[in-house]
Amino acid sequence: MASDARLPPPLRSFERPYSYVSRALVAASYPLLGVYYFLRHPAFYPLFLGRLLPLSIISILVYFILFTFAFLPQFAFLAIFHGRAAWLNAIVLVLGEGLVIIQGLFEGFFVDECRVDVFDATLLNEDLENLVAPHRILFPDASNSVKKLGKPTSAAVYQPWSLIQIIELIICLPLNFIPYVGTPAFIIITGARLGTFAHYRWFELRGLNKKERKLALRSRSWDYTWFGTVAMILGLIPVLSFFFLLTSTAGSALWAARLEHQIRRSQQVPGETPAHDPDEPPPPYIDNPI
């Protein structure tokens, strides 16, 4: 491997573990970068305030009911096995139950369109308008990337509503009863599943078929696990869970933009002159025969 040649011989045995750790850290950073990116782009704010603020109020009611009636009984039961750690596991358990209810009732039906808009607008900000343009109407003269978005001209889904995912969440909830390792296992396992949908919209825009999507998911399964784990942790935060859905979407779009640019650079033939854009003016005339 070329990377082995850059390492001193005593460190070459660490090449593979270093690669896994660095990939995990990079993937895990994108949901957090998405928060920073979202806050720095006020054009995204109406998407949250107009569509998701009412749902955030509903989520407050769901968590209020759960913590009022379900937290103490579950805490008392967990205290028998977990001791002092019971309160943390009980909190995660109740948050997970709330997540199941909210996802099952609201997310797939009310939030997905908004997440598509955040994803596509982020790609426009990252100079990938030609990736989005074949799939939706764009208004190039609009003042910002969100206002540029018109109606989709093909199926526009960020994350398909999945009954299997809801069932997996329910099945994995009892992991929180296992002392010490149960709660981290619940977050990582459910996060790994969540991460596989991070680039569903990107695959759609690129026109990948089912086989190509499976290959792409398999090649980055480790990375998607850690992206999904951090996104899952943010999604468990009550009241702000819908806000973090949008910021994690922005993070996944930033990641997709980086990968898209890498793919395009790798496909460009060295020394090849980029094709001239017919919409651009011709190059200046030079009266020089040599």
Foldseek 3Di string as FASTA:
>chain_A
DVVLVVDDVVCSVCVVVVVLVVLLVVLLCLLVVLVVVCVVDCVLVCLCVVFPLVVLVVLVVLLVVCCVPPLVVQLVVLCVPAPPCSNVLSLLLSLLVSVLVSLVPPCQPRPFVSLLLLLQQLCVVLVNCVLCVVFFQFDVPDPGSSVRTDGTPDDGGQAHRDPVLSVVSVVLSCLSSDYPVSSVVSLLVSLLVVLLSLCVRVCVSVVDDPVRSVVVCVVCSSSSSSNSSSLSVCLSDRSCNSVSVNSSSSSSSVVSSVVVVVVVVVPDDPPDDDDDDPVDDDDDDDPDPD
